[in-house]
Amino acid sequence: MNVSDPGTWCGYRRPAFLQPSDPRFEEISSLYYKELEKLYGKADFYSMDPFHEGGNTAGVDLDAAGKAVMKAMKKANPKAVWVAQAWQANPRPKMIENLGPVTCLYST
């Protein structure tokens, strides 16, 4: 498996993640959404903040990662909406710029 190490945050190890280029990404993401629905029911909004508060993105094709996450989410639920908190460099522009229309909501 093609797994990347995003490093540490405040001395804690961040969880490793499966690269979207891994041949099993689609299979594993399908399993994830099936289990998520079993545990919590059907949802239309998914909060996923890859690289929240930093994290090493070296060797990660951010464009491919964004597309793979969105494709998997829409396969599980065509009405799915990806919700990401804008914080520091998140969401990474390269991760979302080719996903289609993006709605940004701001709170002060």
PDB file of N, CA and C in Angstrom:
ATOM      1  N   MET A   1       0.844  -1.189   0.000  1.00  0.00           N
ATOM      2  CA  MET A   1       0.000   0.000   0.000  1.00  0.00           C
ATOM      3  C   MET A   1       0.880   1.241   0.000  1.00  0.00           C
ATOM      4  N   ASN A   2       0.390   2.268  -0.651  1.00  0.00           N
ATOM      5  CA  ASN A   2       1.104   3.523  -0.743  1.00  0.00           C
ATOM      6  C   ASN A   2       0.566   4.461   0.347  1.00  0.00           C
ATOM      7  N   VAL A   3       1.200   4.426   1.497  1.00  0.00           N
ATOM      8  CA  VAL A   3       0.773   5.192   2.665  1.00  0.00           C
ATOM      9  C   VAL A   3       1.796   6.293   2.941  1.00  0.00           C
ATOM     10  N   SER A   4       1.300   7.476   3.265  1.00  0.00           N
ATOM     11  CA  SER A   4       2.187   8.610   3.554  1.00  0.00           C
ATOM     12  C   SER A   4       2.128   8.983   5.028  1.00  0.00           C
ATOM     13  N   ASP A   5       3.237   9.493   5.500  1.00  0.00           N
ATOM     14  CA  ASP A   5       3.358   9.926   6.890  1.00  0.00           C
ATOM     15  C   ASP A   5       3.277  11.450   6.930  1.00  0.00           C
ATOM     16  N   PRO A   6       2.215  12.009   7.508  1.00  0.00           N
ATOM     17  CA  PRO A   6       2.090  13.466   7.547  1.00  0.00           C
ATOM     18  C   PRO A   6       2.888  14.127   8.663  1.00  0.00           C
ATOM     19  N   GLY A   7       3.627  13.354   9.444  1.00  0.00           N
ATOM     20  CA  GLY A   7       4.481  13.940  10.479  1.00  0.00           C
ATOM     21  C   GLY A   7       3.801  14.054  11.830  1.00  0.00           C
ATOM     22  N   THR A   8       4.185  15.092  12.557  1.00  0.00           N
ATOM     23  CA  THR A   8       3.664  15.266  13.918  1.00  0.00           C
ATOM     24  C   THR A   8       2.952  16.612  14.060  1.00  0.00           C
ATOM     25  N   TRP A   9       2.186  16.707  15.122  1.00  0.00           N
ATOM     26  CA  TRP A   9       1.524  17.950  15.496  1.00  0.00           C
ATOM     27  C   TRP A   9       1.650  18.070  17.010  1.00  0.00           C
ATOM     28  N   CYS A  10       2.307  19.098  17.451  1.00  0.00           N
ATOM     29  CA  CYS A  10       2.503  19.332  18.897  1.00  0.00           C
ATOM     30  C   CYS A  10       3.051  18.100  19.599  1.00  0.00           C
ATOM     31  N   GLY A  11       3.946  17.385  18.941  1.00  0.00           N
ATOM     32  CA  GLY A  11       4.568  16.214  19.539  1.00  0.00           C
ATOM     33  C   GLY A  11       3.789  14.916  19.363  1.00  0.00           C
ATOM     34  N   TYR A  12       2.590  14.966  18.799  1.00  0.00           N
ATOM     35  CA  TYR A  12       1.777  13.767  18.568  1.00  0.00           C
ATOM     36  C   TYR A  12       1.901  13.331  17.122  1.00  0.00           C
ATOM     37  N   ARG A  13       1.954  12.019  16.901  1.00  0.00           N
ATOM     38  CA  ARG A  13       2.000  11.491  15.533  1.00  0.00           C
ATOM     39  C   ARG A  13       0.645  11.688  14.884  1.00  0.00           C
ATOM     40  N   ARG A  14       0.654  12.240  13.701  1.00  0.00           N
ATOM     41  CA  ARG A  14      -0.578  12.346  12.918  1.00  0.00           C
ATOM     42  C   ARG A  14      -0.877  10.964  12.329  1.00  0.00           C
ATOM     43  N   PRO A  15      -2.128  10.677  12.059  1.00  0.00           N
ATOM     44  CA  PRO A  15      -2.431   9.381  11.427  1.00  0.00           C
ATOM     45  C   PRO A  15      -1.919   9.359   9.989  1.00  0.00           C
ATOM     46  N   ALA A  16      -1.352   8.240   9.602  1.00  0.00           N
ATOM     47  CA  ALA A  16      -0.912   8.065   8.222  1.00  0.00           C
ATOM     48  C   ALA A  16      -2.142   8.018   7.321  1.00  0.00           C
ATOM     49  N   PHE A  17      -1.944   8.257   6.040  1.00  0.00           N
ATOM     50  CA  PHE A  17      -3.081   8.221   5.127  1.00  0.00           C
ATOM     51  C   PHE A  17      -2.701   7.502   3.844  1.00  0.00           C
ATOM     52  N   LEU A  18      -3.714   6.926   3.230  1.00  0.00           N
ATOM     53  CA  LEU A  18      -3.539   6.193   1.985  1.00  0.00           C
ATOM     54  C   LEU A  18      -3.531   7.182   0.820  1.00  0.00           C
ATOM     55  N   GLN A  19      -2.509   7.109  -0.002  1.00  0.00           N
ATOM     56  CA  GLN A  19      -2.413   7.983  -1.163  1.00  0.00           C
ATOM     57  C   GLN A  19      -3.565   7.673  -2.135  1.00  0.00           C
ATOM     58  N   PRO A  20      -4.136   8.701  -2.766  1.00  0.00           N
ATOM     59  CA  PRO A  20      -5.218   8.464  -3.718  1.00  0.00           C
ATOM     60  C   PRO A  20      -4.767   7.694  -4.946  1.00  0.00           C
ATOM     61  N   SER A  21      -3.478   7.656  -5.192  1.00  0.00           N
ATOM     62  CA  SER A  21      -2.938   6.913  -6.330  1.00  0.00           C
ATOM     63  C   SER A  21      -2.813   5.419  -6.042  1.00  0.00           C
ATOM     64  N   ASP A  22      -3.020   5.023  -4.796  1.00  0.00           N
ATOM     65  CA  ASP A  22      -2.932   3.603  -4.454  1.00  0.00           C
ATOM     66  C   ASP A  22      -4.051   2.845  -5.167  1.00  0.00           C
ATOM     67  N   PRO A  23      -3.747   1.701  -5.755  1.00  0.00           N
ATOM     68  CA  PRO A  23      -4.769   0.940  -6.481  1.00  0.00           C
ATOM     69  C   PRO A  23      -5.969   0.540  -5.624  1.00  0.00           C
ATOM     70  N   ARG A  24      -5.800   0.498  -4.315  1.00  0.00           N
ATOM     71  CA  ARG A  24      -6.895   0.067  -3.438  1.00  0.00           C
ATOM     72  C   ARG A  24      -7.662   1.249  -2.821  1.00  0.00           C
ATOM     73  N   PHE A  25      -7.327   2.478  -3.202  1.00  0.00           N
ATOM     74  CA  PHE A  25      -7.982   3.648  -2.621  1.00  0.00           C
ATOM     75  C   PHE A  25      -9.499   3.579  -2.802  1.00  0.00           C
ATOM     76  N   GLU A  26      -9.949   3.299  -4.013  1.00  0.00           N
ATOM     77  CA  GLU A  26     -11.391   3.256  -4.283  1.00  0.00           C
ATOM     78  C   GLU A  26     -12.070   2.172  -3.452  1.00  0.00           C
ATOM     79  N   GLU A  27     -11.477   1.002  -3.386  1.00  0.00           N
ATOM     80  CA  GLU A  27     -12.044  -0.107  -2.610  1.00  0.00           C
ATOM     81  C   GLU A  27     -12.134   0.250  -1.124  1.00  0.00           C
ATOM     82  N   ILE A  28     -11.067   0.791  -0.579  1.00  0.00           N
ATOM     83  CA  ILE A  28     -11.031   1.105   0.852  1.00  0.00           C
ATOM     84  C   ILE A  28     -11.957   2.265   1.180  1.00  0.00           C
ATOM     85  N   SER A  29     -12.036   3.258   0.303  1.00  0.00           N
ATOM     86  CA  SER A  29     -12.951   4.370   0.562  1.00  0.00           C
ATOM     87  C   SER A  29     -14.406   3.897   0.517  1.00  0.00           C
ATOM     88  N   SER A  30     -14.732   2.963  -0.364  1.00  0.00           N
ATOM     89  CA  SER A  30     -16.092   2.409  -0.401  1.00  0.00           C
ATOM     90  C   SER A  30     -16.433   1.700   0.904  1.00  0.00           C
ATOM     91  N   LEU A  31     -15.480   0.935   1.411  1.00  0.00           N
ATOM     92  CA  LEU A  31     -15.685   0.266   2.700  1.00  0.00           C
ATOM     93  C   LEU A  31     -15.892   1.285   3.820  1.00  0.00           C
ATOM     94  N   TYR A  32     -15.119   2.353   3.791  1.00  0.00           N
ATOM     95  CA  TYR A  32     -15.228   3.409   4.801  1.00  0.00           C
ATOM     96  C   TYR A  32     -16.642   3.997   4.816  1.00  0.00           C
ATOM     97  N   TYR A  33     -17.151   4.370   3.649  1.00  0.00           N
ATOM     98  CA  TYR A  33     -18.484   4.987   3.603  1.00  0.00           C
ATOM     99  C   TYR A  33     -19.582   4.000   3.987  1.00  0.00           C
ATOM    100  N   LYS A  34     -19.440   2.736   3.629  1.00  0.00           N
ATOM    101  CA  LYS A  34     -20.430   1.728   4.034  1.00  0.00           C
ATOM    102  C   LYS A  34     -20.464   1.591   5.547  1.00  0.00           C
ATOM    103  N   GLU A  35     -19.298   1.509   6.170  1.00  0.00           N
ATOM    104  CA  GLU A  35     -19.239   1.384   7.630  1.00  0.00           C
ATOM    105  C   GLU A  35     -19.735   2.650   8.321  1.00  0.00           C
ATOM    106  N   LEU A  36     -19.405   3.794   7.769  1.00  0.00           N
ATOM    107  CA  LEU A  36     -19.862   5.068   8.320  1.00  0.00           C
ATOM    108  C   LEU A  36     -21.386   5.122   8.327  1.00  0.00           C
ATOM    109  N   GLU A  37     -22.004   4.689   7.226  1.00  0.00           N
ATOM    110  CA  GLU A  37     -23.465   4.696   7.154  1.00  0.00           C
ATOM    111  C   GLU A  37     -24.080   3.692   8.123  1.00  0.00           C
ATOM    112  N   LYS A  38     -23.452   2.518   8.283  1.00  0.00           N
ATOM    113  CA  LYS A  38     -23.944   1.532   9.250  1.00  0.00           C
ATOM    114  C   LYS A  38     -23.947   2.113  10.662  1.00  0.00           C
ATOM    115  N   LEU A  39     -22.881   2.820  10.997  1.00  0.00           N
ATOM    116  CA  LEU A  39     -22.743   3.364  12.352  1.00  0.00           C
ATOM    117  C   LEU A  39     -23.616   4.579  12.619  1.00  0.00           C
ATOM    118  N   TYR A  40     -23.728   5.479  11.635  1.00  0.00           N
ATOM    119  CA  TYR A  40     -24.361   6.777  11.888  1.00  0.00           C
ATOM    120  C   TYR A  40     -25.575   7.080  11.025  1.00  0.00           C
ATOM    121  N   GLY A  41     -25.876   6.224  10.063  1.00  0.00           N
ATOM    122  CA  GLY A  41     -26.983   6.489   9.163  1.00  0.00           C
ATOM    123  C   GLY A  41     -26.529   7.304   7.963  1.00  0.00           C
ATOM    124  N   LYS A  42     -27.488   7.579   7.080  1.00  0.00           N
ATOM    125  CA  LYS A  42     -27.200   8.314   5.850  1.00  0.00           C
ATOM    126  C   LYS A  42     -26.920   9.779   6.173  1.00  0.00           C
ATOM    127  N   ALA A  43     -25.899  10.316   5.555  1.00  0.00           N
ATOM    128  CA  ALA A  43     -25.548  11.726   5.747  1.00  0.00           C
ATOM    129  C   ALA A  43     -25.349  12.371   4.377  1.00  0.00           C
ATOM    130  N   ASP A  44     -25.612  13.656   4.311  1.00  0.00           N
ATOM    131  CA  ASP A  44     -25.370  14.392   3.081  1.00  0.00           C
ATOM    132  C   ASP A  44     -24.167  15.332   3.205  1.00  0.00           C
ATOM    133  N   PHE A  45     -23.706  15.554   4.417  1.00  0.00           N
ATOM    134  CA  PHE A  45     -22.580  16.462   4.656  1.00  0.00           C
ATOM    135  C   PHE A  45     -21.452  15.692   5.327  1.00  0.00           C
ATOM    136  N   TYR A  46     -20.254  15.830   4.777  1.00  0.00           N
ATOM    137  CA  TYR A  46     -19.096  15.118   5.291  1.00  0.00           C
ATOM    138  C   TYR A  46     -17.991  16.122   5.595  1.00  0.00           C
ATOM    139  N   SER A  47     -17.550  16.152   6.826  1.00  0.00           N
ATOM    140  CA  SER A  47     -16.481  17.056   7.224  1.00  0.00           C
ATOM    141  C   SER A  47     -15.167  16.297   7.193  1.00  0.00           C
ATOM    142  N   MET A  48     -14.348  16.641   6.241  1.00  0.00           N
ATOM    143  CA  MET A  48     -13.031  16.023   6.114  1.00  0.00           C
ATOM    144  C   MET A  48     -12.037  17.127   5.842  1.00  0.00           C
ATOM    145  N   ASP A  49     -11.082  17.259   6.688  1.00  0.00           N
ATOM    146  CA  ASP A  49     -10.075  18.303   6.541  1.00  0.00           C
ATOM    147  C   ASP A  49      -8.685  17.682   6.430  1.00  0.00           C
ATOM    148  N   PRO A  50      -8.369  17.136   5.259  1.00  0.00           N
ATOM    149  CA  PRO A  50      -7.021  16.588   5.123  1.00  0.00           C
ATOM    150  C   PRO A  50      -5.976  17.680   5.388  1.00  0.00           C
ATOM    151  N   PHE A  51      -4.998  17.345   6.124  1.00  0.00           N
ATOM    152  CA  PHE A  51      -3.885  18.243   6.448  1.00  0.00           C
ATOM    153  C   PHE A  51      -4.322  19.417   7.317  1.00  0.00           C
ATOM    154  N   HIS A  52      -5.376  19.226   8.109  1.00  0.00           N
ATOM    155  CA  HIS A  52      -5.828  20.285   9.015  1.00  0.00           C
ATOM    156  C   HIS A  52      -4.687  20.690   9.936  1.00  0.00           C
ATOM    157  N   GLU A  53      -4.488  21.953  10.093  1.00  0.00           N
ATOM    158  CA  GLU A  53      -3.419  22.525  10.908  1.00  0.00           C
ATOM    159  C   GLU A  53      -2.045  22.025  10.479  1.00  0.00           C
ATOM    160  N   GLY A  54      -1.856  21.988   9.193  1.00  0.00           N
ATOM    161  CA  GLY A  54      -0.543  21.621   8.678  1.00  0.00           C
ATOM    162  C   GLY A  54      -0.461  20.169   8.277  1.00  0.00           C
ATOM    163  N   GLY A  55       0.687  19.616   8.434  1.00  0.00           N
ATOM    164  CA  GLY A  55       0.919  18.244   8.026  1.00  0.00           C
ATOM    165  C   GLY A  55       1.764  18.221   6.775  1.00  0.00           C
ATOM    166  N   ASN A  56       2.611  17.253   6.676  1.00  0.00           N
ATOM    167  CA  ASN A  56       3.526  17.107   5.561  1.00  0.00           C
ATOM    168  C   ASN A  56       2.761  16.644   4.328  1.00  0.00           C
ATOM    169  N   THR A  57       2.806  17.422   3.268  1.00  0.00           N
ATOM    170  CA  THR A  57       2.152  17.046   2.016  1.00  0.00           C
ATOM    171  C   THR A  57       3.161  16.646   0.945  1.00  0.00           C
ATOM    172  N   ALA A  58       4.426  16.501   1.330  1.00  0.00           N
ATOM    173  CA  ALA A  58       5.468  16.121   0.366  1.00  0.00           C
ATOM    174  C   ALA A  58       5.099  14.794  -0.286  1.00  0.00           C
ATOM    175  N   GLY A  59       5.172  14.759  -1.596  1.00  0.00           N
ATOM    176  CA  GLY A  59       4.875  13.534  -2.325  1.00  0.00           C
ATOM    177  C   GLY A  59       3.395  13.277  -2.538  1.00  0.00           C
ATOM    178  N   VAL A  60       2.537  14.198  -2.107  1.00  0.00           N
ATOM    179  CA  VAL A  60       1.096  14.027  -2.269  1.00  0.00           C
ATOM    180  C   VAL A  60       0.645  14.866  -3.459  1.00  0.00           C
ATOM    181  N   ASP A  61      -0.011  14.244  -4.411  1.00  0.00           N
ATOM    182  CA  ASP A  61      -0.615  14.974  -5.522  1.00  0.00           C
ATOM    183  C   ASP A  61      -1.940  15.518  -4.994  1.00  0.00           C
ATOM    184  N   LEU A  62      -1.930  16.782  -4.563  1.00  0.00           N
ATOM    185  CA  LEU A  62      -3.107  17.363  -3.923  1.00  0.00           C
ATOM    186  C   LEU A  62      -4.309  17.415  -4.855  1.00  0.00           C
ATOM    187  N   ASP A  63      -4.092  17.684  -6.124  1.00  0.00           N
ATOM    188  CA  ASP A  63      -5.187  17.692  -7.088  1.00  0.00           C
ATOM    189  C   ASP A  63      -5.834  16.308  -7.159  1.00  0.00           C
ATOM    190  N   ALA A  64      -5.008  15.277  -7.301  1.00  0.00           N
ATOM    191  CA  ALA A  64      -5.521  13.904  -7.363  1.00  0.00           C
ATOM    192  C   ALA A  64      -6.198  13.515  -6.050  1.00  0.00           C
ATOM    193  N   ALA A  65      -5.649  13.966  -4.929  1.00  0.00           N
ATOM    194  CA  ALA A  65      -6.242  13.643  -3.631  1.00  0.00           C
ATOM    195  C   ALA A  65      -7.639  14.243  -3.516  1.00  0.00           C
ATOM    196  N   GLY A  66      -7.773  15.522  -3.862  1.00  0.00           N
ATOM    197  CA  GLY A  66      -9.087  16.160  -3.801  1.00  0.00           C
ATOM    198  C   GLY A  66     -10.099  15.470  -4.691  1.00  0.00           C
ATOM    199  N   LYS A  67      -9.685  15.156  -5.913  1.00  0.00           N
ATOM    200  CA  LYS A  67     -10.586  14.474  -6.849  1.00  0.00           C
ATOM    201  C   LYS A  67     -10.969  13.082  -6.350  1.00  0.00           C
ATOM    202  N   ALA A  68     -10.005  12.360  -5.793  1.00  0.00           N
ATOM    203  CA  ALA A  68     -10.289  11.004  -5.304  1.00  0.00           C
ATOM    204  C   ALA A  68     -11.241  11.030  -4.113  1.00  0.00           C
ATOM    205  N   VAL A  69     -11.047  11.973  -3.199  1.00  0.00           N
ATOM    206  CA  VAL A  69     -11.942  12.091  -2.042  1.00  0.00           C
ATOM    207  C   VAL A  69     -13.349  12.442  -2.518  1.00  0.00           C
ATOM    208  N   MET A  70     -13.467  13.416  -3.415  1.00  0.00           N
ATOM    209  CA  MET A  70     -14.779  13.826  -3.911  1.00  0.00           C
ATOM    210  C   MET A  70     -15.456  12.698  -4.687  1.00  0.00           C
ATOM    211  N   LYS A  71     -14.715  11.992  -5.516  1.00  0.00           N
ATOM    212  CA  LYS A  71     -15.276  10.886  -6.297  1.00  0.00           C
ATOM    213  C   LYS A  71     -15.823   9.797  -5.376  1.00  0.00           C
ATOM    214  N   ALA A  72     -15.041   9.446  -4.362  1.00  0.00           N
ATOM    215  CA  ALA A  72     -15.476   8.410  -3.427  1.00  0.00           C
ATOM    216  C   ALA A  72     -16.721   8.851  -2.652  1.00  0.00           C
ATOM    217  N   MET A  73     -16.745  10.111  -2.233  1.00  0.00           N
ATOM    218  CA  MET A  73     -17.871  10.653  -1.482  1.00  0.00           C
ATOM    219  C   MET A  73     -19.138  10.647  -2.338  1.00  0.00           C
ATOM    220  N   LYS A  74     -19.021  11.095  -3.592  1.00  0.00           N
ATOM    221  CA  LYS A  74     -20.173  11.154  -4.495  1.00  0.00           C
ATOM    222  C   LYS A  74     -20.639   9.756  -4.916  1.00  0.00           C
ATOM    223  N   LYS A  75     -19.716   8.811  -4.973  1.00  0.00           N
ATOM    224  CA  LYS A  75     -20.105   7.434  -5.282  1.00  0.00           C
ATOM    225  C   LYS A  75     -20.957   6.870  -4.144  1.00  0.00           C
ATOM    226  N   ALA A  76     -20.573   7.176  -2.930  1.00  0.00           N
ATOM    227  CA  ALA A  76     -21.327   6.708  -1.762  1.00  0.00           C
ATOM    228  C   ALA A  76     -22.667   7.423  -1.637  1.00  0.00           C
ATOM    229  N   ASN A  77     -22.696   8.710  -2.006  1.00  0.00           N
ATOM    230  CA  ASN A  77     -23.916   9.500  -1.903  1.00  0.00           C
ATOM    231  C   ASN A  77     -23.841  10.646  -2.919  1.00  0.00           C
ATOM    232  N   PRO A  78     -24.571  10.547  -4.010  1.00  0.00           N
ATOM    233  CA  PRO A  78     -24.517  11.598  -5.033  1.00  0.00           C
ATOM    234  C   PRO A  78     -24.888  12.994  -4.521  1.00  0.00           C
ATOM    235  N   LYS A  79     -25.605  13.074  -3.405  1.00  0.00           N
ATOM    236  CA  LYS A  79     -25.966  14.379  -2.838  1.00  0.00           C
ATOM    237  C   LYS A  79     -24.937  14.879  -1.828  1.00  0.00           C
ATOM    238  N   ALA A  80     -23.848  14.182  -1.677  1.00  0.00           N
ATOM    239  CA  ALA A  80     -22.845  14.522  -0.668  1.00  0.00           C
ATOM    240  C   ALA A  80     -22.258  15.910  -0.880  1.00  0.00           C
ATOM    241  N   VAL A  81     -22.003  16.586   0.237  1.00  0.00           N
ATOM    242  CA  VAL A  81     -21.352  17.892   0.248  1.00  0.00           C
ATOM    243  C   VAL A  81     -20.127  17.774   1.142  1.00  0.00           C
ATOM    244  N   TRP A  82     -18.990  18.193   0.633  1.00  0.00           N
ATOM    245  CA  TRP A  82     -17.742  18.163   1.391  1.00  0.00           C
ATOM    246  C   TRP A  82     -17.637  19.471   2.159  1.00  0.00           C
ATOM    247  N   VAL A  83     -17.581  19.377   3.473  1.00  0.00           N
ATOM    248  CA  VAL A  83     -17.486  20.544   4.346  1.00  0.00           C
ATOM    249  C   VAL A  83     -16.074  20.587   4.920  1.00  0.00           C
ATOM    250  N   ALA A  84     -15.398  21.717   4.737  1.00  0.00           N
ATOM    251  CA  ALA A  84     -14.030  21.862   5.252  1.00  0.00           C
ATOM    252  C   ALA A  84     -13.911  23.203   5.952  1.00  0.00           C
ATOM    253  N   GLN A  85     -13.318  23.188   7.111  1.00  0.00           N
ATOM    254  CA  GLN A  85     -13.065  24.418   7.851  1.00  0.00           C
ATOM    255  C   GLN A  85     -11.821  25.091   7.281  1.00  0.00           C
ATOM    256  N   ALA A  86     -11.977  26.351   6.908  1.00  0.00           N
ATOM    257  CA  ALA A  86     -10.823  27.104   6.414  1.00  0.00           C
ATOM    258  C   ALA A  86     -10.004  27.552   7.612  1.00  0.00           C
ATOM    259  N   TRP A  87      -8.762  27.098   7.637  1.00  0.00           N
ATOM    260  CA  TRP A  87      -7.908  27.368   8.781  1.00  0.00           C
ATOM    261  C   TRP A  87      -6.472  27.274   8.321  1.00  0.00           C
ATOM    262  N   GLN A  88      -5.677  28.260   8.599  1.00  0.00           N
ATOM    263  CA  GLN A  88      -4.293  28.318   8.142  1.00  0.00           C
ATOM    264  C   GLN A  88      -4.270  28.120   6.628  1.00  0.00           C
ATOM    265  N   ALA A  89      -3.614  27.111   6.130  1.00  0.00           N
ATOM    266  CA  ALA A  89      -3.516  26.882   4.684  1.00  0.00           C
ATOM    267  C   ALA A  89      -4.604  25.941   4.173  1.00  0.00           C
ATOM    268  N   ASN A  90      -5.574  25.648   5.010  1.00  0.00           N
ATOM    269  CA  ASN A  90      -6.625  24.705   4.641  1.00  0.00           C
ATOM    270  C   ASN A  90      -7.875  25.429   4.203  1.00  0.00           C
ATOM    271  N   PRO A  91      -8.628  24.912   3.266  1.00  0.00           N
ATOM    272  CA  PRO A  91      -8.241  23.763   2.458  1.00  0.00           C
ATOM    273  C   PRO A  91      -7.157  24.159   1.457  1.00  0.00           C
ATOM    274  N   ARG A  92      -6.304  23.228   1.160  1.00  0.00           N
ATOM    275  CA  ARG A  92      -5.218  23.495   0.226  1.00  0.00           C
ATOM    276  C   ARG A  92      -5.827  23.841  -1.135  1.00  0.00           C
ATOM    277  N   PRO A  93      -5.474  25.001  -1.698  1.00  0.00           N
ATOM    278  CA  PRO A  93      -6.048  25.394  -2.995  1.00  0.00           C
ATOM    279  C   PRO A  93      -5.879  24.324  -4.074  1.00  0.00           C
ATOM    280  N   LYS A  94      -4.719  23.694  -4.138  1.00  0.00           N
ATOM    281  CA  LYS A  94      -4.484  22.657  -5.156  1.00  0.00           C
ATOM    282  C   LYS A  94      -5.416  21.458  -4.970  1.00  0.00           C
ATOM    283  N   MET A  95      -5.928  21.263  -3.753  1.00  0.00           N
ATOM    284  CA  MET A  95      -6.802  20.131  -3.482  1.00  0.00           C
ATOM    285  C   MET A  95      -8.230  20.393  -3.951  1.00  0.00           C
ATOM    286  N   ILE A  96      -8.640  21.649  -3.997  1.00  0.00           N
ATOM    287  CA  ILE A  96     -10.041  21.928  -4.308  1.00  0.00           C
ATOM    288  C   ILE A  96     -10.263  22.700  -5.610  1.00  0.00           C
ATOM    289  N   GLU A  97      -9.219  23.249  -6.205  1.00  0.00           N
ATOM    290  CA  GLU A  97      -9.423  24.146  -7.341  1.00  0.00           C
ATOM    291  C   GLU A  97     -10.046  23.494  -8.567  1.00  0.00           C
ATOM    292  N   ASN A  98      -9.953  22.199  -8.716  1.00  0.00           N
ATOM    293  CA  ASN A  98     -10.522  21.514  -9.874  1.00  0.00           C
ATOM    294  C   ASN A  98     -11.730  20.645  -9.533  1.00  0.00           C
ATOM    295  N   LEU A  99     -12.390  20.959  -8.424  1.00  0.00           N
ATOM    296  CA  LEU A  99     -13.532  20.158  -8.000  1.00  0.00           C
ATOM    297  C   LEU A  99     -14.869  20.714  -8.477  1.00  0.00           C
ATOM    298  N   GLY A 100     -14.860  21.850  -9.130  1.00  0.00           N
ATOM    299  CA  GLY A 100     -16.119  22.450  -9.566  1.00  0.00           C
ATOM    300  C   GLY A 100     -16.463  23.593  -8.636  1.00  0.00           C
ATOM    301  N   PRO A 101     -17.735  23.998  -8.637  1.00  0.00           N
ATOM    302  CA  PRO A 101     -18.129  25.133  -7.813  1.00  0.00           C
ATOM    303  C   PRO A 101     -17.872  24.871  -6.329  1.00  0.00           C
ATOM    304  N   VAL A 102     -17.334  25.883  -5.667  1.00  0.00           N
ATOM    305  CA  VAL A 102     -17.063  25.792  -4.238  1.00  0.00           C
ATOM    306  C   VAL A 102     -17.803  26.943  -3.558  1.00  0.00           C
ATOM    307  N   THR A 103     -18.499  26.641  -2.497  1.00  0.00           N
ATOM    308  CA  THR A 103     -19.195  27.669  -1.722  1.00  0.00           C
ATOM    309  C   THR A 103     -18.412  27.908  -0.449  1.00  0.00           C
ATOM    310  N   CYS A 104     -18.117  29.147  -0.190  1.00  0.00           N
ATOM    311  CA  CYS A 104     -17.397  29.509   1.019  1.00  0.00           C
ATOM    312  C   CYS A 104     -18.321  30.306   1.939  1.00  0.00           C
ATOM    313  N   LEU A 105     -18.410  29.871   3.163  1.00  0.00           N
ATOM    314  CA  LEU A 105     -19.183  30.573   4.177  1.00  0.00           C
ATOM    315  C   LEU A 105     -18.211  31.054   5.236  1.00  0.00           C
ATOM    316  N   TYR A 106     -18.346  32.282   5.645  1.00  0.00           N
ATOM    317  CA  TYR A 106     -17.430  32.850   6.629  1.00  0.00           C
ATOM    318  C   TYR A 106     -18.196  33.230   7.881  1.00  0.00           C
ATOM    319  N   SER A 107     -17.552  33.040   9.004  1.00  0.00           N
ATOM    320  CA  SER A 107     -18.113  33.441  10.271  1.00  0.00           C
ATOM    321  C   SER A 107     -17.073  34.301  10.995  1.00  0.00           C
ATOM    322  N   THR A 108     -17.518  35.382  11.565  1.00  0.00           N
ATOM    323  CA  THR A 108     -16.575  36.243  12.303  1.00  0.00           C
ATOM    324  C   THR A 108     -16.873  36.206  13.767  1.00  0.00           C
TER     325      THR A 108
END
